[in-house]
Amino acid sequence: MKARHVTFIILLIIIADQLLKVWVKTHYQLNEHHNMIGSGFQLYFVENPGMAYGWKFGGNWGKMALTIFRMGAVIFGTWYLGKIIKEKHHKGFIFCASLVYAGALGNLIDSSFYGLIFDKGMTVDPVIKEYIGYNGLAQFSLKGYTTLLHGNVVDMLYFPVLKGHFPSWFPFWGGDDFEFFRPIFNIADASISTGVISILVFQKWFFKQHNTGETHPTVETNALVNDESQIS
């Protein structure tokens, strides 16, 4: 797979991810949701100050640390993609690595710049030290709602495929509500998950071709080879 193909894949994912995020953030109020296909798929607007699928990581300092980590991952990913393209690894592996890279870059854009270009977003309340929501639709603004590296990632894809209750006799969760699939995520999260899971599932196939293509040096000697030396 050539570098231009990888670039096209990454740009396609980032553009789709950012277009959907910007549209949802400027057309949905926080926690607003609508059914898209029956009740099995919804656009459900939430903001995620932490990691993928709504996992949180500390307050403002945790947020900055996470954003810096994403930057490091993207910088490393840029070098690593160039390396595996140059070494002509399996096309499937390069494709999956491109998915992971595009997803990481997509969420990095949110956490780095959304706080600067939108007038509303979730911020940390200094008293309770928790993120608090806001009312109304967000709009583009030069003032922003926070500083560089402190923006929130926009999530909106929600698949509540199955809802119900655990029976009372069920261990640990007896009587509790049950829902599958509960996390709300975005295209970037889906891209990362698809890439990572595919690499884990097909790793033997991806790396077998590259390993078998490696050549091993041979040792040449000036030793005389004749019938006697072969028998001995």
C-alpha atoms as a PDB file:
ATOM      1  CA  MET A   1       0.000   0.000   0.000  1.00  0.00           C
ATOM      2  CA  LYS A   2       1.366   3.398  -1.028  1.00  0.00           C
ATOM      3  CA  ALA A   3       1.540   6.554   1.059  1.00  0.00           C
ATOM      4  CA  ARG A   4      -1.079   8.333  -1.040  1.00  0.00           C
ATOM      5  CA  HIS A   5      -3.581   5.540  -0.363  1.00  0.00           C
ATOM      6  CA  VAL A   6      -2.935   5.800   3.375  1.00  0.00           C
ATOM      7  CA  THR A   7      -3.320   9.578   3.222  1.00  0.00           C
ATOM      8  CA  PHE A   8      -6.644   9.224   1.411  1.00  0.00           C
ATOM      9  CA  ILE A   9      -7.978   6.774   4.030  1.00  0.00           C
ATOM     10  CA  ILE A  10      -6.930   9.028   6.907  1.00  0.00           C
ATOM     11  CA  LEU A  11      -8.390  12.171   5.327  1.00  0.00           C
ATOM     12  CA  LEU A  12     -11.658  10.402   4.519  1.00  0.00           C
ATOM     13  CA  ILE A  13     -12.145   9.282   8.131  1.00  0.00           C
ATOM     14  CA  ILE A  14     -11.133  12.641   9.630  1.00  0.00           C
ATOM     15  CA  ILE A  15     -13.393  14.635   7.300  1.00  0.00           C
ATOM     16  CA  ALA A  16     -16.391  12.373   7.967  1.00  0.00           C
ATOM     17  CA  ASP A  17     -15.690  12.428  11.715  1.00  0.00           C
ATOM     18  CA  GLN A  18     -15.312  16.212  11.936  1.00  0.00           C
ATOM     19  CA  LEU A  19     -18.291  17.016   9.708  1.00  0.00           C
ATOM     20  CA  LEU A  20     -20.605  14.894  11.854  1.00  0.00           C
ATOM     21  CA  LYS A  21     -19.181  16.282  15.103  1.00  0.00           C
ATOM     22  CA  VAL A  22     -19.523  19.920  14.040  1.00  0.00           C
ATOM     23  CA  TRP A  23     -23.040  19.359  12.688  1.00  0.00           C
ATOM     24  CA  VAL A  24     -24.232  17.644  15.878  1.00  0.00           C
ATOM     25  CA  LYS A  25     -22.614  20.206  18.182  1.00  0.00           C
ATOM     26  CA  THR A  26     -24.197  23.141  16.329  1.00  0.00           C
ATOM     27  CA  HIS A  27     -27.643  21.557  15.788  1.00  0.00           C
ATOM     28  CA  TYR A  28     -28.229  19.496  18.962  1.00  0.00           C
ATOM     29  CA  GLN A  29     -28.425  20.703  22.525  1.00  0.00           C
ATOM     30  CA  LEU A  30     -26.363  18.780  25.043  1.00  0.00           C
ATOM     31  CA  ASN A  31     -27.987  15.377  25.748  1.00  0.00           C
ATOM     32  CA  GLU A  32     -30.518  15.856  22.935  1.00  0.00           C
ATOM     33  CA  HIS A  33     -31.169  12.650  21.013  1.00  0.00           C
ATOM     34  CA  HIS A  34     -33.267  11.403  18.112  1.00  0.00           C
ATOM     35  CA  ASN A  35     -33.984   7.964  16.679  1.00  0.00           C
ATOM     36  CA  MET A  36     -32.417   7.388  13.278  1.00  0.00           C
ATOM     37  CA  ILE A  37     -33.349   3.787  12.522  1.00  0.00           C
ATOM     38  CA  GLY A  38     -36.190   2.719  14.789  1.00  0.00           C
ATOM     39  CA  SER A  39     -34.970   2.695  18.369  1.00  0.00           C
ATOM     40  CA  GLY A  40     -31.857   0.642  17.621  1.00  0.00           C
ATOM     41  CA  PHE A  41     -29.747   3.588  16.503  1.00  0.00           C
ATOM     42  CA  GLN A  42     -29.794   7.142  17.814  1.00  0.00           C
ATOM     43  CA  LEU A  43     -27.869  10.351  17.416  1.00  0.00           C
ATOM     44  CA  TYR A  44     -27.343  11.260  21.062  1.00  0.00           C
ATOM     45  CA  PHE A  45     -25.189  14.339  21.641  1.00  0.00           C
ATOM     46  CA  VAL A  46     -22.850  14.172  24.619  1.00  0.00           C
ATOM     47  CA  GLU A  47     -19.465  15.699  25.318  1.00  0.00           C
ATOM     48  CA  ASN A  48     -16.652  13.540  26.539  1.00  0.00           C
ATOM     49  CA  PRO A  49     -13.915  15.227  28.605  1.00  0.00           C
ATOM     50  CA  GLY A  50     -11.971  11.992  28.900  1.00  0.00           C
ATOM     51  CA  MET A  51     -11.092   8.932  26.870  1.00  0.00           C
ATOM     52  CA  ALA A  52     -12.991   6.930  24.281  1.00  0.00           C
ATOM     53  CA  TYR A  53     -16.542   5.757  24.983  1.00  0.00           C
ATOM     54  CA  GLY A  54     -17.054   8.230  27.812  1.00  0.00           C
ATOM     55  CA  TRP A  55     -14.296   7.059  30.146  1.00  0.00           C
ATOM     56  CA  LYS A  56     -13.017   9.983  32.218  1.00  0.00           C
ATOM     57  CA  PHE A  57      -9.497  10.744  33.299  1.00  0.00           C
ATOM     58  CA  GLY A  58      -9.203  13.286  36.087  1.00  0.00           C
ATOM     59  CA  GLY A  59     -10.085  16.992  35.952  1.00  0.00           C
ATOM     60  CA  ASN A  60      -8.313  19.753  34.043  1.00  0.00           C
ATOM     61  CA  TRP A  61      -4.851  18.321  34.653  1.00  0.00           C
ATOM     62  CA  GLY A  62      -5.997  14.878  33.616  1.00  0.00           C
ATOM     63  CA  LYS A  63      -7.584  16.375  30.535  1.00  0.00           C
ATOM     64  CA  MET A  64      -4.362  18.135  29.526  1.00  0.00           C
ATOM     65  CA  ALA A  65      -2.303  15.002  30.196  1.00  0.00           C
ATOM     66  CA  LEU A  66      -4.652  12.964  28.027  1.00  0.00           C
ATOM     67  CA  THR A  67      -4.464  15.492  25.179  1.00  0.00           C
ATOM     68  CA  ILE A  68      -0.652  15.562  25.358  1.00  0.00           C
ATOM     69  CA  PHE A  69      -0.672  11.751  25.306  1.00  0.00           C
ATOM     70  CA  ARG A  70      -2.833  11.862  22.162  1.00  0.00           C
ATOM     71  CA  MET A  71      -0.338  14.265  20.589  1.00  0.00           C
ATOM     72  CA  GLY A  72       2.496  11.887  21.375  1.00  0.00           C
ATOM     73  CA  ALA A  73       0.538   8.975  19.927  1.00  0.00           C
ATOM     74  CA  VAL A  74      -0.129  10.894  16.706  1.00  0.00           C
ATOM     75  CA  ILE A  75       3.546  11.921  16.378  1.00  0.00           C
ATOM     76  CA  PHE A  76       4.653   8.330  16.935  1.00  0.00           C
ATOM     77  CA  GLY A  77       1.935   7.093  14.581  1.00  0.00           C
ATOM     78  CA  THR A  78       3.165   9.392  11.806  1.00  0.00           C
ATOM     79  CA  TRP A  79       6.655   7.920  12.084  1.00  0.00           C
ATOM     80  CA  TYR A  80       5.392   4.339  12.400  1.00  0.00           C
ATOM     81  CA  LEU A  81       3.064   4.561   9.397  1.00  0.00           C
ATOM     82  CA  GLY A  82       5.951   5.831   7.284  1.00  0.00           C
ATOM     83  CA  LYS A  83       8.098   2.954   8.545  1.00  0.00           C
ATOM     84  CA  ILE A  84       5.652   0.141   7.762  1.00  0.00           C
ATOM     85  CA  ILE A  85       4.832   1.641   4.348  1.00  0.00           C
ATOM     86  CA  LYS A  86       8.543   1.811   3.491  1.00  0.00           C
ATOM     87  CA  GLU A  87       9.087  -1.750   4.708  1.00  0.00           C
ATOM     88  CA  LYS A  88       6.084  -2.921   2.657  1.00  0.00           C
ATOM     89  CA  HIS A  89       4.171  -4.618   5.433  1.00  0.00           C
ATOM     90  CA  HIS A  90       0.910  -6.430   4.706  1.00  0.00           C
ATOM     91  CA  LYS A  91      -1.680  -4.101   3.154  1.00  0.00           C
ATOM     92  CA  GLY A  92      -4.258  -5.168   5.727  1.00  0.00           C
ATOM     93  CA  PHE A  93      -1.963  -4.222   8.589  1.00  0.00           C
ATOM     94  CA  ILE A  94      -1.188  -0.828   7.060  1.00  0.00           C
ATOM     95  CA  PHE A  95      -4.906  -0.225   6.529  1.00  0.00           C
ATOM     96  CA  CYS A  96      -5.720  -1.083  10.170  1.00  0.00           C
ATOM     97  CA  ALA A  97      -2.848   1.074  11.442  1.00  0.00           C
ATOM     98  CA  SER A  98      -4.252   3.917   9.323  1.00  0.00           C
ATOM     99  CA  LEU A  99      -7.651   3.482  10.998  1.00  0.00           C
ATOM    100  CA  VAL A 100      -6.089   3.752  14.457  1.00  0.00           C
ATOM    101  CA  TYR A 101      -4.054   6.789  13.432  1.00  0.00           C
ATOM    102  CA  ALA A 102      -7.033   8.580  11.869  1.00  0.00           C
ATOM    103  CA  GLY A 103      -9.173   7.963  14.952  1.00  0.00           C
ATOM    104  CA  ALA A 104      -6.499   9.269  17.306  1.00  0.00           C
ATOM    105  CA  LEU A 105      -6.014  12.382  15.160  1.00  0.00           C
ATOM    106  CA  GLY A 106      -9.772  12.962  14.927  1.00  0.00           C
ATOM    107  CA  ASN A 107     -10.207  13.033  18.708  1.00  0.00           C
ATOM    108  CA  LEU A 108      -7.040  15.081  19.135  1.00  0.00           C
ATOM    109  CA  ILE A 109      -8.576  17.830  16.991  1.00  0.00           C
ATOM    110  CA  ASP A 110     -11.570  18.010  19.361  1.00  0.00           C
ATOM    111  CA  SER A 111      -9.607  18.080  22.594  1.00  0.00           C
ATOM    112  CA  SER A 112      -7.030  20.543  21.274  1.00  0.00           C
ATOM    113  CA  PHE A 113      -9.140  23.096  19.415  1.00  0.00           C
ATOM    114  CA  TYR A 114     -12.881  22.772  20.126  1.00  0.00           C
ATOM    115  CA  GLY A 115     -12.518  24.790  23.314  1.00  0.00           C
ATOM    116  CA  LEU A 116     -11.138  27.655  21.244  1.00  0.00           C
ATOM    117  CA  ILE A 117     -13.607  27.698  18.344  1.00  0.00           C
ATOM    118  CA  PHE A 118     -16.974  27.070  20.073  1.00  0.00           C
ATOM    119  CA  ASP A 119     -18.701  29.352  22.565  1.00  0.00           C
ATOM    120  CA  LYS A 120     -20.192  26.534  24.659  1.00  0.00           C
ATOM    121  CA  GLY A 121     -18.939  23.295  26.073  1.00  0.00           C
ATOM    122  CA  MET A 122     -18.687  21.339  29.289  1.00  0.00           C
ATOM    123  CA  THR A 123     -16.317  22.927  31.813  1.00  0.00           C
ATOM    124  CA  VAL A 124     -15.081  22.023  35.279  1.00  0.00           C
ATOM    125  CA  ASP A 125     -16.887  23.673  38.194  1.00  0.00           C
ATOM    126  CA  PRO A 126     -14.113  24.811  40.598  1.00  0.00           C
ATOM    127  CA  VAL A 127     -16.343  24.232  43.643  1.00  0.00           C
ATOM    128  CA  ILE A 128     -17.517  20.668  43.028  1.00  0.00           C
ATOM    129  CA  LYS A 129     -14.571  19.880  40.719  1.00  0.00           C
ATOM    130  CA  GLU A 130     -16.852  18.126  38.244  1.00  0.00           C
ATOM    131  CA  TYR A 131     -17.725  18.818  34.637  1.00  0.00           C
ATOM    132  CA  ILE A 132     -21.007  20.671  34.234  1.00  0.00           C
ATOM    133  CA  GLY A 133     -23.236  20.996  31.187  1.00  0.00           C
ATOM    134  CA  TYR A 134     -24.692  24.014  29.405  1.00  0.00           C
ATOM    135  CA  ASN A 135     -27.932  25.143  27.764  1.00  0.00           C
ATOM    136  CA  GLY A 136     -28.620  26.131  24.173  1.00  0.00           C
ATOM    137  CA  LEU A 137     -26.880  25.425  20.890  1.00  0.00           C
ATOM    138  CA  ALA A 138     -23.158  25.910  20.547  1.00  0.00           C
ATOM    139  CA  GLN A 139     -21.900  28.321  17.899  1.00  0.00           C
ATOM    140  CA  PHE A 140     -18.539  29.142  16.392  1.00  0.00           C
ATOM    141  CA  SER A 141     -16.804  31.858  18.365  1.00  0.00           C
ATOM    142  CA  LEU A 142     -13.356  33.419  18.602  1.00  0.00           C
ATOM    143  CA  LYS A 143     -13.719  33.628  22.392  1.00  0.00           C
ATOM    144  CA  GLY A 144     -14.179  29.921  22.988  1.00  0.00           C
ATOM    145  CA  TYR A 145     -15.344  28.201  26.164  1.00  0.00           C
ATOM    146  CA  THR A 146     -11.915  27.102  27.442  1.00  0.00           C
ATOM    147  CA  THR A 147      -8.224  27.145  26.598  1.00  0.00           C
ATOM    148  CA  LEU A 148      -5.998  25.218  24.237  1.00  0.00           C
ATOM    149  CA  LEU A 149      -5.830  21.450  24.944  1.00  0.00           C
ATOM    150  CA  HIS A 150      -8.897  21.550  27.223  1.00  0.00           C
ATOM    151  CA  GLY A 151     -11.681  21.000  24.696  1.00  0.00           C
ATOM    152  CA  ASN A 152     -14.152  18.129  24.926  1.00  0.00           C
ATOM    153  CA  VAL A 153     -14.566  15.334  22.405  1.00  0.00           C
ATOM    154  CA  VAL A 154     -18.003  15.222  20.753  1.00  0.00           C
ATOM    155  CA  ASP A 155     -19.783  11.847  20.830  1.00  0.00           C
ATOM    156  CA  MET A 156     -23.099  11.003  19.201  1.00  0.00           C
ATOM    157  CA  LEU A 157     -23.397   7.394  17.982  1.00  0.00           C
ATOM    158  CA  TYR A 158     -25.637   5.378  20.282  1.00  0.00           C
ATOM    159  CA  PHE A 159     -26.832   1.822  19.680  1.00  0.00           C
ATOM    160  CA  PRO A 160     -29.203   0.734  22.472  1.00  0.00           C
ATOM    161  CA  VAL A 161     -29.812  -2.567  20.703  1.00  0.00           C
ATOM    162  CA  LEU A 162     -31.236  -4.411  23.679  1.00  0.00           C
ATOM    163  CA  LYS A 163     -32.801  -3.078  26.871  1.00  0.00           C
ATOM    164  CA  GLY A 164     -34.287  -4.955  29.820  1.00  0.00           C
ATOM    165  CA  HIS A 165     -33.834  -5.920  33.468  1.00  0.00           C
ATOM    166  CA  PHE A 166     -31.713  -8.551  35.108  1.00  0.00           C
ATOM    167  CA  PRO A 167     -33.903 -11.052  37.018  1.00  0.00           C
ATOM    168  CA  SER A 168     -33.829 -10.728  40.796  1.00  0.00           C
ATOM    169  CA  TRP A 169     -31.949 -14.015  41.166  1.00  0.00           C
ATOM    170  CA  PHE A 170     -29.104 -12.880  38.848  1.00  0.00           C
ATOM    171  CA  PRO A 171     -25.772 -12.547  40.729  1.00  0.00           C
ATOM    172  CA  PHE A 172     -24.484  -9.022  41.449  1.00  0.00           C
ATOM    173  CA  TRP A 173     -26.846  -7.200  39.052  1.00  0.00           C
ATOM    174  CA  GLY A 174     -30.171  -8.751  40.048  1.00  0.00           C
ATOM    175  CA  GLY A 175     -33.017  -6.272  39.430  1.00  0.00           C
ATOM    176  CA  ASP A 176     -30.784  -3.710  37.703  1.00  0.00           C
ATOM    177  CA  ASP A 177     -31.449  -2.297  34.266  1.00  0.00           C
ATOM    178  CA  PHE A 178     -29.667  -3.938  31.364  1.00  0.00           C
ATOM    179  CA  GLU A 179     -28.651  -2.244  28.129  1.00  0.00           C
ATOM    180  CA  PHE A 180     -26.566  -3.322  25.164  1.00  0.00           C
ATOM    181  CA  PHE A 181     -24.736  -1.369  23.679  1.00  0.00           C
ATOM    182  CA  ARG A 182     -24.525   1.426  26.311  1.00  0.00           C
ATOM    183  CA  PRO A 183     -21.475   3.590  25.367  1.00  0.00           C
ATOM    184  CA  ILE A 184     -21.943   6.646  23.144  1.00  0.00           C
ATOM    185  CA  PHE A 185     -19.054   7.118  20.730  1.00  0.00           C
ATOM    186  CA  ASN A 186     -18.012   8.780  17.468  1.00  0.00           C
ATOM    187  CA  ILE A 187     -16.527   7.844  14.109  1.00  0.00           C
ATOM    188  CA  ALA A 188     -12.986   8.320  15.435  1.00  0.00           C
ATOM    189  CA  ASP A 189     -13.625   5.908  18.333  1.00  0.00           C
ATOM    190  CA  ALA A 190     -15.121   3.368  15.919  1.00  0.00           C
ATOM    191  CA  SER A 191     -12.102   3.724  13.637  1.00  0.00           C
ATOM    192  CA  ILE A 192      -9.660   3.085  16.497  1.00  0.00           C
ATOM    193  CA  SER A 193     -11.627   0.086  17.782  1.00  0.00           C
ATOM    194  CA  THR A 194     -11.996  -1.442  14.309  1.00  0.00           C
ATOM    195  CA  GLY A 195      -8.278  -1.065  13.625  1.00  0.00           C
ATOM    196  CA  VAL A 196      -7.119  -2.486  16.958  1.00  0.00           C
ATOM    197  CA  ILE A 197      -9.555  -5.424  16.972  1.00  0.00           C
ATOM    198  CA  SER A 198      -8.720  -6.301  13.356  1.00  0.00           C
ATOM    199  CA  ILE A 199      -4.980  -6.302  14.118  1.00  0.00           C
ATOM    200  CA  LEU A 200      -5.537  -8.618  17.099  1.00  0.00           C
ATOM    201  CA  VAL A 201      -7.770 -10.990  15.127  1.00  0.00           C
ATOM    202  CA  PHE A 202      -5.664 -11.141  11.948  1.00  0.00           C
ATOM    203  CA  GLN A 203      -2.187 -10.613  13.390  1.00  0.00           C
ATOM    204  CA  LYS A 204      -0.875 -14.020  12.253  1.00  0.00           C
ATOM    205  CA  TRP A 205      -2.042 -13.321   8.712  1.00  0.00           C
ATOM    206  CA  PHE A 206      -0.723  -9.768   8.708  1.00  0.00           C
ATOM    207  CA  PHE A 207       2.757 -10.596  10.003  1.00  0.00           C
ATOM    208  CA  LYS A 208       3.282 -14.007   8.392  1.00  0.00           C
ATOM    209  CA  GLN A 209       3.797 -12.573   4.935  1.00  0.00           C
ATOM    210  CA  HIS A 210       6.271  -9.954   6.176  1.00  0.00           C
ATOM    211  CA  ASN A 211       8.256 -12.451   8.243  1.00  0.00           C
ATOM    212  CA  THR A 212       8.477 -15.013   5.433  1.00  0.00           C
ATOM    213  CA  GLY A 213       9.732 -12.291   3.125  1.00  0.00           C
ATOM    214  CA  GLU A 214      12.765 -11.597   5.305  1.00  0.00           C
ATOM    215  CA  THR A 215      16.109 -12.865   4.056  1.00  0.00           C
ATOM    216  CA  HIS A 216      18.801 -14.296   6.258  1.00  0.00           C
ATOM    217  CA  PRO A 217      22.491 -13.825   5.485  1.00  0.00           C
ATOM    218  CA  THR A 218      24.554 -16.862   4.569  1.00  0.00           C
ATOM    219  CA  VAL A 219      28.088 -17.525   5.674  1.00  0.00           C
ATOM    220  CA  GLU A 220      30.603 -18.171   2.918  1.00  0.00           C
ATOM    221  CA  THR A 221      33.906 -19.948   3.585  1.00  0.00           C
ATOM    222  CA  ASN A 222      36.878 -20.919   1.514  1.00  0.00           C
ATOM    223  CA  ALA A 223      36.870 -24.486   2.841  1.00  0.00           C
ATOM    224  CA  LEU A 224      37.539 -27.185   0.252  1.00  0.00           C
ATOM    225  CA  VAL A 225      34.508 -29.392  -0.293  1.00  0.00           C
ATOM    226  CA  ASN A 226      35.241 -32.903  -1.641  1.00  0.00           C
ATOM    227  CA  ASP A 227      33.968 -36.434  -1.185  1.00  0.00           C
ATOM    228  CA  GLU A 228      36.161 -37.058   1.866  1.00  0.00           C
ATOM    229  CA  SER A 229      35.114 -33.880   3.690  1.00  0.00           C
ATOM    230  CA  GLN A 230      31.439 -34.590   3.027  1.00  0.00           C
ATOM    231  CA  ILE A 231      31.726 -38.113   4.451  1.00  0.00           C
ATOM    232  CA  SER A 232      33.589 -36.935   7.532  1.00  0.00           C
END
